[in-house]
C-alpha atoms as a PDB file:
ATOM      1  CA  MET A   1      99.842 123.807  88.280  1.00  0.00           C
ATOM      2  CA  VAL A   2      97.091 126.303  87.485  1.00  0.00           C
ATOM      3  CA  GLN A   3      96.184 126.249  83.802  1.00  0.00           C
ATOM      4  CA  GLN A   4      96.228 129.687  82.215  1.00  0.00           C
ATOM      5  CA  GLN A   5      92.993 130.736  80.594  1.00  0.00           C
ATOM      6  CA  LYS A   6      93.159 131.756  76.955  1.00  0.00           C
ATOM      7  CA  PRO A   7      92.729 135.535  76.642  1.00  0.00           C
ATOM      8  CA  SER A   8      89.424 136.651  75.183  1.00  0.00           C
ATOM      9  CA  GLU A   9      89.578 138.510  71.852  1.00  0.00           C
ATOM     10  CA  ARG A  10      87.108 141.097  70.572  1.00  0.00           C
ATOM     11  CA  ILE A  11      85.555 139.710  67.388  1.00  0.00           C
ATOM     12  CA  ALA A  12      83.030 141.309  65.050  1.00  0.00           C
ATOM     13  CA  ILE A  13      81.222 139.178  62.484  1.00  0.00           C
ATOM     14  CA  ILE A  14      79.644 141.130  59.629  1.00  0.00           C
ATOM     15  CA  GLY A  15      76.694 139.154  58.325  1.00  0.00           C
ATOM     16  CA  SER A  16      74.197 137.151  60.372  1.00  0.00           C
ATOM     17  CA  GLY A  17      73.387 134.438  57.850  1.00  0.00           C
ATOM     18  CA  GLY A  18      74.148 130.760  58.234  1.00  0.00           C
ATOM     19  CA  ILE A  19      77.943 131.022  58.155  1.00  0.00           C
ATOM     20  CA  GLY A  20      78.096 134.188  60.256  1.00  0.00           C
ATOM     21  CA  GLY A  21      75.718 132.789  62.853  1.00  0.00           C
ATOM     22  CA  TYR A  22      77.550 129.489  63.176  1.00  0.00           C
ATOM     23  CA  LEU A  23      80.927 131.211  63.434  1.00  0.00           C
ATOM     24  CA  ALA A  24      79.527 133.479  66.142  1.00  0.00           C
ATOM     25  CA  GLY A  25      78.336 130.484  68.112  1.00  0.00           C
ATOM     26  CA  GLN A  26      81.636 128.652  67.854  1.00  0.00           C
ATOM     27  CA  LEU A  27      83.787 131.661  68.696  1.00  0.00           C
ATOM     28  CA  HIS A  28      81.584 132.396  71.697  1.00  0.00           C
ATOM     29  CA  ALA A  29      82.044 128.774  72.775  1.00  0.00           C
ATOM     30  CA  ALA A  30      85.799 129.331  72.484  1.00  0.00           C
ATOM     31  CA  GLY A  31      85.513 132.101  75.075  1.00  0.00           C
ATOM     32  CA  HIS A  32      85.592 135.261  72.994  1.00  0.00           C
ATOM     33  CA  ASP A  33      83.689 138.553  73.048  1.00  0.00           C
ATOM     34  CA  VAL A  34      81.625 138.247  69.872  1.00  0.00           C
ATOM     35  CA  THR A  35      79.474 140.895  68.200  1.00  0.00           C
ATOM     36  CA  LEU A  36      77.206 139.755  65.379  1.00  0.00           C
ATOM     37  CA  CYS A  37      76.552 142.636  62.980  1.00  0.00           C
ATOM     38  CA  ALA A  38      73.142 142.391  61.328  1.00  0.00           C
ATOM     39  CA  ARG A  39      71.033 144.493  58.993  1.00  0.00           C
ATOM     40  CA  THR A  40      67.872 143.955  61.014  1.00  0.00           C
ATOM     41  CA  PRO A  41      67.617 143.036  64.707  1.00  0.00           C
ATOM     42  CA  PHE A  42      66.492 139.680  66.042  1.00  0.00           C
ATOM     43  CA  ASP A  43      65.949 138.483  69.586  1.00  0.00           C
ATOM     44  CA  LYS A  44      68.449 135.660  69.921  1.00  0.00           C
ATOM     45  CA  LEU A  45      70.866 133.376  68.101  1.00  0.00           C
ATOM     46  CA  VAL A  46      69.817 129.725  68.171  1.00  0.00           C
ATOM     47  CA  ILE A  47      71.945 126.980  66.607  1.00  0.00           C
ATOM     48  CA  THR A  48      70.579 123.489  65.957  1.00  0.00           C
ATOM     49  CA  GLU A  49      72.778 120.506  65.126  1.00  0.00           C
ATOM     50  CA  ALA A  50      71.148 118.404  62.406  1.00  0.00           C
ATOM     51  CA  LYS A  51      72.915 115.208  63.489  1.00  0.00           C
ATOM     52  CA  ASP A  52      71.191 114.997  66.863  1.00  0.00           C
ATOM     53  CA  GLY A  53      68.686 117.850  67.003  1.00  0.00           C
ATOM     54  CA  SER A  54      70.456 119.522  69.921  1.00  0.00           C
ATOM     55  CA  GLU A  55      69.735 123.229  70.247  1.00  0.00           C
ATOM     56  CA  THR A  56      71.901 125.957  71.750  1.00  0.00           C
ATOM     57  CA  THR A  57      70.963 129.566  72.444  1.00  0.00           C
ATOM     58  CA  VAL A  58      74.109 131.672  72.093  1.00  0.00           C
ATOM     59  CA  PRO A  59      74.279 134.908  74.129  1.00  0.00           C
ATOM     60  CA  VAL A  60      76.254 136.929  71.594  1.00  0.00           C
ATOM     61  CA  ARG A  61      75.749 140.658  71.243  1.00  0.00           C
ATOM     62  CA  ILE A  62      73.687 141.597  68.173  1.00  0.00           C
ATOM     63  CA  ALA A  63      74.485 145.017  66.692  1.00  0.00           C
ATOM     64  CA  THR A  64      72.596 146.922  64.000  1.00  0.00           C
ATOM     65  CA  ASP A  65      74.180 150.387  64.128  1.00  0.00           C
ATOM     66  CA  PRO A  66      77.709 150.566  62.660  1.00  0.00           C
ATOM     67  CA  SER A  67      78.302 154.073  64.040  1.00  0.00           C
ATOM     68  CA  ALA A  68      77.987 152.766  67.606  1.00  0.00           C
ATOM     69  CA  GLU A  69      80.842 150.279  67.211  1.00  0.00           C
ATOM     70  CA  GLU A  70      84.474 150.481  68.325  1.00  0.00           C
ATOM     71  CA  PRO A  71      87.368 148.818  66.441  1.00  0.00           C
ATOM     72  CA  ALA A  72      87.717 145.044  66.808  1.00  0.00           C
ATOM     73  CA  LYS A  73      90.868 142.936  66.700  1.00  0.00           C
ATOM     74  CA  TRP A  74      89.243 140.375  64.391  1.00  0.00           C
ATOM     75  CA  ILE A  75      86.634 141.187  61.738  1.00  0.00           C
ATOM     76  CA  LEU A  76      85.048 138.309  59.850  1.00  0.00           C
ATOM     77  CA  VAL A  77      83.202 139.345  56.681  1.00  0.00           C
ATOM     78  CA  THR A  78      80.575 136.657  56.069  1.00  0.00           C
ATOM     79  CA  THR A  79      78.071 138.498  53.880  1.00  0.00           C
ATOM     80  CA  LYS A  80      77.344 137.153  50.420  1.00  0.00           C
ATOM     81  CA  ALA A  81      79.971 138.418  47.991  1.00  0.00           C
ATOM     82  CA  GLN A  82      77.549 140.768  46.240  1.00  0.00           C
ATOM     83  CA  ASP A  83      76.716 142.400  49.575  1.00  0.00           C
ATOM     84  CA  VAL A  84      80.236 143.620  50.372  1.00  0.00           C
ATOM     85  CA  PRO A  85      79.387 147.276  49.551  1.00  0.00           C
ATOM     86  CA  SER A  86      76.644 147.174  52.184  1.00  0.00           C
ATOM     87  CA  ALA A  87      79.304 146.164  54.726  1.00  0.00           C
ATOM     88  CA  ALA A  88      81.269 149.366  54.110  1.00  0.00           C
ATOM     89  CA  PRO A  89      79.856 151.268  57.146  1.00  0.00           C
ATOM     90  CA  TRP A  90      80.691 148.342  59.401  1.00  0.00           C
ATOM     91  CA  LEU A  91      84.227 148.109  58.043  1.00  0.00           C
ATOM     92  CA  GLU A  92      84.697 151.859  58.500  1.00  0.00           C
ATOM     93  CA  HIS A  93      83.854 151.795  62.207  1.00  0.00           C
ATOM     94  CA  LEU A  94      85.215 148.363  63.153  1.00  0.00           C
ATOM     95  CA  THR A  95      88.619 148.593  61.485  1.00  0.00           C
ATOM     96  CA  GLY A  96      91.492 149.859  63.602  1.00  0.00           C
ATOM     97  CA  PRO A  97      95.301 149.778  63.250  1.00  0.00           C
ATOM     98  CA  GLU A  98      95.532 146.280  64.739  1.00  0.00           C
ATOM     99  CA  SER A  99      92.490 144.795  63.005  1.00  0.00           C
ATOM    100  CA  ARG A 100      92.659 141.656  60.894  1.00  0.00           C
ATOM    101  CA  ILE A 101      89.899 141.302  58.307  1.00  0.00           C
ATOM    102  CA  ILE A 102      89.122 137.701  57.375  1.00  0.00           C
ATOM    103  CA  VAL A 103      86.970 137.384  54.251  1.00  0.00           C
ATOM    104  CA  VAL A 104      84.820 134.268  54.678  1.00  0.00           C
ATOM    105  CA  GLN A 105      83.018 134.111  51.353  1.00  0.00           C
ATOM    106  CA  ASN A 106      82.570 132.019  48.239  1.00  0.00           C
ATOM    107  CA  GLY A 107      84.425 132.685  45.016  1.00  0.00           C
ATOM    108  CA  ILE A 108      87.930 133.974  44.404  1.00  0.00           C
ATOM    109  CA  ASP A 109      89.554 137.418  44.596  1.00  0.00           C
ATOM    110  CA  HIS A 110      88.401 137.867  48.201  1.00  0.00           C
ATOM    111  CA  GLU A 111      90.812 140.689  49.006  1.00  0.00           C
ATOM    112  CA  GLU A 112      89.902 142.693  45.895  1.00  0.00           C
ATOM    113  CA  ARG A 113      86.246 142.761  46.994  1.00  0.00           C
ATOM    114  CA  VAL A 114      86.850 144.387  50.385  1.00  0.00           C
ATOM    115  CA  ARG A 115      90.011 146.415  49.768  1.00  0.00           C
ATOM    116  CA  PRO A 116      88.167 149.505  48.359  1.00  0.00           C
ATOM    117  CA  PHE A 117      86.349 149.898  51.699  1.00  0.00           C
ATOM    118  CA  LEU A 118      89.432 149.686  53.935  1.00  0.00           C
ATOM    119  CA  PRO A 119      92.513 151.731  54.801  1.00  0.00           C
ATOM    120  CA  ALA A 120      95.378 151.004  52.419  1.00  0.00           C
ATOM    121  CA  ASP A 121      97.442 149.319  55.133  1.00  0.00           C
ATOM    122  CA  ALA A 122      94.657 147.114  56.518  1.00  0.00           C
ATOM    123  CA  THR A 123      95.452 143.418  56.938  1.00  0.00           C
ATOM    124  CA  VAL A 124      93.120 141.356  54.747  1.00  0.00           C
ATOM    125  CA  VAL A 125      93.121 137.548  54.738  1.00  0.00           C
ATOM    126  CA  PRO A 126      91.173 135.447  52.211  1.00  0.00           C
ATOM    127  CA  SER A 127      89.677 132.197  53.422  1.00  0.00           C
ATOM    128  CA  SER A 128      87.878 129.141  52.142  1.00  0.00           C
ATOM    129  CA  ILE A 129      85.290 127.613  54.453  1.00  0.00           C
ATOM    130  CA  ILE A 130      83.726 124.173  54.388  1.00  0.00           C
ATOM    131  CA  CYS A 131      80.672 124.293  56.622  1.00  0.00           C
ATOM    132  CA  ALA A 132      77.234 123.000  55.658  1.00  0.00           C
ATOM    133  CA  VAL A 133      74.881 125.377  57.394  1.00  0.00           C
ATOM    134  CA  GLU A 134      71.432 126.789  56.702  1.00  0.00           C
ATOM    135  CA  ARG A 135      69.646 129.856  58.034  1.00  0.00           C
ATOM    136  CA  ARG A 136      66.053 128.812  58.695  1.00  0.00           C
ATOM    137  CA  ALA A 137      64.948 132.237  59.956  1.00  0.00           C
ATOM    138  CA  PRO A 138      66.712 135.348  61.312  1.00  0.00           C
ATOM    139  CA  GLY A 139      68.842 134.151  64.212  1.00  0.00           C
ATOM    140  CA  HIS A 140      67.973 130.464  63.683  1.00  0.00           C
ATOM    141  CA  ILE A 141      70.799 128.371  62.226  1.00  0.00           C
ATOM    142  CA  LEU A 142      70.811 124.671  61.275  1.00  0.00           C
ATOM    143  CA  HIS A 143      74.279 123.103  61.088  1.00  0.00           C
ATOM    144  CA  HIS A 144      74.370 120.068  58.797  1.00  0.00           C
ATOM    145  CA  GLY A 145      78.057 119.259  59.247  1.00  0.00           C
ATOM    146  CA  HIS A 146      81.727 120.154  58.680  1.00  0.00           C
ATOM    147  CA  ALA A 147      83.684 123.042  60.187  1.00  0.00           C
ATOM    148  CA  LYS A 148      86.957 123.804  58.439  1.00  0.00           C
ATOM    149  CA  ILE A 149      88.573 127.060  57.346  1.00  0.00           C
ATOM    150  CA  SER A 150      91.620 127.291  55.074  1.00  0.00           C
ATOM    151  CA  VAL A 151      93.746 130.425  54.862  1.00  0.00           C
ATOM    152  CA  PRO A 152      97.168 131.211  53.384  1.00  0.00           C
ATOM    153  CA  GLY A 153      99.889 129.755  55.563  1.00  0.00           C
ATOM    154  CA  GLY A 154     101.869 132.049  57.851  1.00  0.00           C
ATOM    155  CA  PRO A 155     101.590 133.924  61.153  1.00  0.00           C
ATOM    156  CA  ILE A 156      97.919 134.843  60.659  1.00  0.00           C
ATOM    157  CA  ALA A 157      97.041 131.185  60.160  1.00  0.00           C
ATOM    158  CA  ASP A 158      98.769 130.409  63.461  1.00  0.00           C
ATOM    159  CA  GLU A 159      96.858 133.225  65.189  1.00  0.00           C
ATOM    160  CA  LEU A 160      93.565 131.947  63.784  1.00  0.00           C
ATOM    161  CA  THR A 161      94.350 128.452  65.032  1.00  0.00           C
ATOM    162  CA  ALA A 162      94.762 129.860  68.528  1.00  0.00           C
ATOM    163  CA  LEU A 163      91.647 132.022  68.145  1.00  0.00           C
ATOM    164  CA  PHE A 164      89.467 129.024  67.234  1.00  0.00           C
ATOM    165  CA  SER A 165      90.964 126.757  69.888  1.00  0.00           C
ATOM    166  CA  GLY A 166      88.089 125.303  71.861  1.00  0.00           C
ATOM    167  CA  SER A 167      85.669 125.535  68.931  1.00  0.00           C
ATOM    168  CA  ALA A 168      84.550 122.904  66.429  1.00  0.00           C
ATOM    169  CA  PHE A 169      86.546 124.561  63.644  1.00  0.00           C
ATOM    170  CA  GLU A 170      89.769 123.229  62.180  1.00  0.00           C
ATOM    171  CA  ILE A 171      92.057 125.951  60.788  1.00  0.00           C
ATOM    172  CA  ILE A 172      94.445 124.987  57.998  1.00  0.00           C
ATOM    173  CA  GLY A 173      97.296 127.169  56.766  1.00  0.00           C
ATOM    174  CA  GLU A 174      97.758 126.459  53.055  1.00  0.00           C
ATOM    175  CA  ASP A 175     100.993 126.936  51.115  1.00  0.00           C
ATOM    176  CA  ASP A 176      98.983 126.990  47.874  1.00  0.00           C
ATOM    177  CA  PHE A 177      95.830 128.903  48.709  1.00  0.00           C
ATOM    178  CA  LEU A 178      95.097 129.619  45.035  1.00  0.00           C
ATOM    179  CA  THR A 179      94.491 125.925  44.413  1.00  0.00           C
ATOM    180  CA  VAL A 180      92.352 125.644  47.546  1.00  0.00           C
ATOM    181  CA  ALA A 181      90.197 128.605  46.502  1.00  0.00           C
ATOM    182  CA  TRP A 182      89.671 127.204  43.021  1.00  0.00           C
ATOM    183  CA  GLY A 183      88.930 123.779  44.504  1.00  0.00           C
ATOM    184  CA  LYS A 184      86.117 125.291  46.553  1.00  0.00           C
ATOM    185  CA  LEU A 185      84.896 127.209  43.501  1.00  0.00           C
ATOM    186  CA  LEU A 186      84.896 123.947  41.531  1.00  0.00           C
ATOM    187  CA  THR A 187      82.537 122.362  44.054  1.00  0.00           C
ATOM    188  CA  ASN A 188      80.316 125.438  44.252  1.00  0.00           C
ATOM    189  CA  ALA A 189      80.119 125.843  40.471  1.00  0.00           C
ATOM    190  CA  MET A 190      79.007 122.236  40.030  1.00  0.00           C
ATOM    191  CA  VAL A 191      76.498 122.061  42.870  1.00  0.00           C
ATOM    192  CA  ASN A 192      75.097 125.507  43.694  1.00  0.00           C
ATOM    193  CA  PRO A 193      73.604 126.299  40.269  1.00  0.00           C
ATOM    194  CA  ILE A 194      72.121 122.818  39.787  1.00  0.00           C
ATOM    195  CA  THR A 195      70.431 122.727  43.185  1.00  0.00           C
ATOM    196  CA  SER A 196      69.209 126.293  42.763  1.00  0.00           C
ATOM    197  CA  LEU A 197      67.831 125.835  39.259  1.00  0.00           C
ATOM    198  CA  THR A 198      66.152 122.502  40.025  1.00  0.00           C
ATOM    199  CA  LEU A 199      64.998 123.619  43.498  1.00  0.00           C
ATOM    200  CA  ARG A 200      66.235 120.286  44.832  1.00  0.00           C
ATOM    201  CA  ARG A 201      68.775 119.333  47.461  1.00  0.00           C
ATOM    202  CA  SER A 202      71.898 117.246  46.866  1.00  0.00           C
ATOM    203  CA  ALA A 203      69.812 114.168  46.110  1.00  0.00           C
ATOM    204  CA  VAL A 204      69.414 115.553  42.585  1.00  0.00           C
ATOM    205  CA  LEU A 205      73.024 114.543  41.907  1.00  0.00           C
ATOM    206  CA  ALA A 206      72.053 110.879  42.142  1.00  0.00           C
ATOM    207  CA  ASP A 207      70.403 111.279  38.729  1.00  0.00           C
ATOM    208  CA  SER A 208      72.994 110.129  36.179  1.00  0.00           C
ATOM    209  CA  GLN A 209      72.170 112.848  33.642  1.00  0.00           C
ATOM    210  CA  VAL A 210      72.331 115.580  36.259  1.00  0.00           C
ATOM    211  CA  ALA A 211      75.631 114.188  37.532  1.00  0.00           C
ATOM    212  CA  GLU A 212      77.015 114.269  33.988  1.00  0.00           C
ATOM    213  CA  LEU A 213      75.971 117.914  33.667  1.00  0.00           C
ATOM    214  CA  ALA A 214      77.841 118.639  36.896  1.00  0.00           C
ATOM    215  CA  ARG A 215      80.918 116.898  35.471  1.00  0.00           C
ATOM    216  CA  ALA A 216      80.716 118.972  32.293  1.00  0.00           C
ATOM    217  CA  ILE A 217      80.602 122.134  34.408  1.00  0.00           C
ATOM    218  CA  GLY A 218      83.520 120.844  36.448  1.00  0.00           C
ATOM    219  CA  ARG A 219      85.719 120.022  33.473  1.00  0.00           C
ATOM    220  CA  GLU A 220      85.410 123.601  32.251  1.00  0.00           C
ATOM    221  CA  VAL A 221      86.179 124.983  35.711  1.00  0.00           C
ATOM    222  CA  VAL A 222      89.297 122.808  35.945  1.00  0.00           C
ATOM    223  CA  ALA A 223      90.539 124.072  32.569  1.00  0.00           C
ATOM    224  CA  VAL A 224      90.123 127.688  33.682  1.00  0.00           C
ATOM    225  CA  ALA A 225      91.657 127.020  37.100  1.00  0.00           C
ATOM    226  CA  LYS A 226      94.745 125.502  35.501  1.00  0.00           C
ATOM    227  CA  ALA A 227      95.114 128.567  33.290  1.00  0.00           C
ATOM    228  CA  THR A 228      95.234 130.759  36.424  1.00  0.00           C
ATOM    229  CA  GLY A 229      97.972 128.588  37.961  1.00  0.00           C
ATOM    230  CA  ALA A 230      95.822 126.454  40.261  1.00  0.00           C
ATOM    231  CA  LYS A 231      96.886 122.816  40.471  1.00  0.00           C
ATOM    232  CA  LEU A 232      93.580 121.094  39.756  1.00  0.00           C
ATOM    233  CA  SER A 233      92.777 118.224  37.397  1.00  0.00           C
ATOM    234  CA  ASP A 234      89.694 116.363  36.209  1.00  0.00           C
ATOM    235  CA  GLY A 235      90.433 113.884  38.984  1.00  0.00           C
ATOM    236  CA  ASP A 236      89.292 116.519  41.470  1.00  0.00           C
ATOM    237  CA  ILE A 237      85.725 116.417  40.148  1.00  0.00           C
ATOM    238  CA  GLU A 238      84.477 113.056  41.397  1.00  0.00           C
ATOM    239  CA  GLY A 239      85.264 113.481  45.105  1.00  0.00           C
ATOM    240  CA  PRO A 240      82.951 116.454  45.727  1.00  0.00           C
ATOM    241  CA  LEU A 241      80.161 114.899  43.650  1.00  0.00           C
ATOM    242  CA  ALA A 242      80.328 111.618  45.536  1.00  0.00           C
ATOM    243  CA  ARG A 243      80.420 113.391  48.888  1.00  0.00           C
ATOM    244  CA  LEU A 244      77.400 115.549  48.088  1.00  0.00           C
ATOM    245  CA  ALA A 245      75.397 112.755  46.471  1.00  0.00           C
ATOM    246  CA  GLY A 246      76.021 110.806  49.676  1.00  0.00           C
ATOM    247  CA  SER A 247      74.348 113.595  51.674  1.00  0.00           C
ATOM    248  CA  PRO A 248      70.972 113.739  49.914  1.00  0.00           C
ATOM    249  CA  THR A 249      69.330 116.074  52.444  1.00  0.00           C
ATOM    250  CA  GLY A 250      72.104 118.645  52.147  1.00  0.00           C
ATOM    251  CA  GLY A 251      71.682 121.722  50.017  1.00  0.00           C
ATOM    252  CA  SER A 252      73.660 124.750  48.907  1.00  0.00           C
ATOM    253  CA  SER A 253      73.707 128.410  49.837  1.00  0.00           C
ATOM    254  CA  MET A 254      72.340 129.323  46.420  1.00  0.00           C
ATOM    255  CA  LEU A 255      69.425 126.917  46.830  1.00  0.00           C
ATOM    256  CA  TYR A 256      68.598 128.332  50.265  1.00  0.00           C
ATOM    257  CA  ASP A 257      68.762 131.867  48.882  1.00  0.00           C
ATOM    258  CA  ARG A 258      66.457 131.078  45.981  1.00  0.00           C
ATOM    259  CA  LEU A 259      63.942 129.333  48.233  1.00  0.00           C
ATOM    260  CA  ALA A 260      63.953 132.378  50.525  1.00  0.00           C
ATOM    261  CA  GLY A 261      63.651 134.857  47.637  1.00  0.00           C
ATOM    262  CA  ARG A 262      67.072 136.371  48.333  1.00  0.00           C
ATOM    263  CA  PRO A 263      69.528 137.534  45.617  1.00  0.00           C
ATOM    264  CA  LEU A 264      71.689 134.759  44.196  1.00  0.00           C
ATOM    265  CA  GLU A 265      75.490 134.776  44.398  1.00  0.00           C
ATOM    266  CA  TYR A 266      75.898 133.517  40.824  1.00  0.00           C
ATOM    267  CA  ALA A 267      78.107 136.419  39.681  1.00  0.00           C
ATOM    268  CA  PHE A 268      80.831 135.317  42.106  1.00  0.00           C
ATOM    269  CA  ILE A 269      80.549 131.594  41.384  1.00  0.00           C
ATOM    270  CA  THR A 270      79.577 130.794  37.777  1.00  0.00           C
ATOM    271  CA  GLY A 271      80.210 134.411  36.806  1.00  0.00           C
ATOM    272  CA  ALA A 272      83.731 134.223  38.223  1.00  0.00           C
ATOM    273  CA  VAL A 273      84.445 131.129  36.122  1.00  0.00           C
ATOM    274  CA  VAL A 274      83.146 132.769  32.933  1.00  0.00           C
ATOM    275  CA  ALA A 275      85.066 136.005  33.589  1.00  0.00           C
ATOM    276  CA  ALA A 276      88.333 134.133  34.197  1.00  0.00           C
ATOM    277  CA  ALA A 277      87.711 132.004  31.107  1.00  0.00           C
ATOM    278  CA  GLU A 278      87.300 135.120  28.969  1.00  0.00           C
ATOM    279  CA  LYS A 279      90.502 136.575  30.405  1.00  0.00           C
ATOM    280  CA  HIS A 280      92.448 133.440  29.443  1.00  0.00           C
ATOM    281  CA  GLY A 281      90.735 132.821  26.116  1.00  0.00           C
ATOM    282  CA  ILE A 282      89.019 129.584  27.154  1.00  0.00           C
ATOM    283  CA  ASP A 283      85.606 128.595  25.836  1.00  0.00           C
ATOM    284  CA  VAL A 284      83.194 127.505  28.581  1.00  0.00           C
ATOM    285  CA  PRO A 285      79.846 126.984  26.834  1.00  0.00           C
ATOM    286  CA  VAL A 286      78.273 124.958  29.643  1.00  0.00           C
ATOM    287  CA  ASN A 287      79.085 127.536  32.306  1.00  0.00           C
ATOM    288  CA  ARG A 288      77.938 130.363  30.023  1.00  0.00           C
ATOM    289  CA  THR A 289      74.612 128.579  29.580  1.00  0.00           C
ATOM    290  CA  ILE A 290      74.282 128.028  33.319  1.00  0.00           C
ATOM    291  CA  LEU A 291      75.091 131.703  33.925  1.00  0.00           C
ATOM    292  CA  ALA A 292      72.330 132.782  31.533  1.00  0.00           C
ATOM    293  CA  LEU A 293      69.846 130.492  33.303  1.00  0.00           C
ATOM    294  CA  LEU A 294      70.832 131.835  36.717  1.00  0.00           C
ATOM    295  CA  LYS A 295      70.421 135.408  35.520  1.00  0.00           C
ATOM    296  CA  GLY A 296      67.024 134.520  34.167  1.00  0.00           C
ATOM    297  CA  ALA A 297      65.991 132.777  37.369  1.00  0.00           C
ATOM    298  CA  SER A 298      67.098 135.847  39.305  1.00  0.00           C
ATOM    299  CA  GLY A 299      65.084 138.190  37.126  1.00  0.00           C
ATOM    300  CA  HIS A 300      68.208 139.990  35.908  1.00  0.00           C
ATOM    301  CA  SER A 301      68.790 141.204  32.351  1.00  0.00           C
ATOM    302  CA  LEU A 302      70.825 138.824  30.230  1.00  0.00           C
ATOM    303  CA  ASP A 303      72.589 141.870  28.760  1.00  0.00           C
ATOM    304  CA  GLY A 304      74.106 142.914  32.094  1.00  0.00           C
ATOM    305  CA  ALA A 305      77.600 142.278  33.384  1.00  0.00           C
ATOM    306  CA  ASN A 306      78.562 138.926  34.867  1.00  0.00           C
END
């Protein structure tokens, strides 16, 4: 019997950072026609695996002119959350009647961020990704480990599973995506600010006082998450801390951004926690303090919006 080859899909990935680059490499490996949409051009996409040092040059198409693009079946938005407005020209030209827009970003309220830049009937799918990856230079990606994407359960989750077949990614359809999204935010809120502010990798969490600060952040996040309807508890705090402390050379996207002098995503991580806390009347003094420090480290006015 001749095995049927999986049909190739046209995929556009908006954002050529660590996550976007690694997704491009994996979807190309799965046999798809991948376009990586970047602000500035670079010669090639090179992915290095930290576990063994192996290096792969991925022959994906790199695009820099949104107006030259045709609609794609799958559009993955992998920019930092604060950069969604800059993706508007790409979304305008890439989105067609059959397009599915997958928002692969930190934080919560994924759909609300991209919806203003799309047709009213566009299909938007939030996602939560676990993938430790670092952009060392434009087009040069270092993958530290993990490759899992969670989305709301249903037909799109099944389609994504088929799309990523043959890649390193595991796709999980979640019945309770709200809890999954807040669980990812819990981890990010504990780790990203601490690594960014201390300019240290995950090894900093081995310090008992730093770990206790992370727990204090986490307890506030859990209280806010529960108020929104997410099913988290204080018992969900220790697992992420232990996992990250056990990977001392790992970092966080916010640390990498600060080291590279790029804008920090704090408004959609700590800022999202503080905003939700205010909405539900919950006091979060530790997260408010962390937010002020992040604003200061970013050179932003402390009187501005979250």
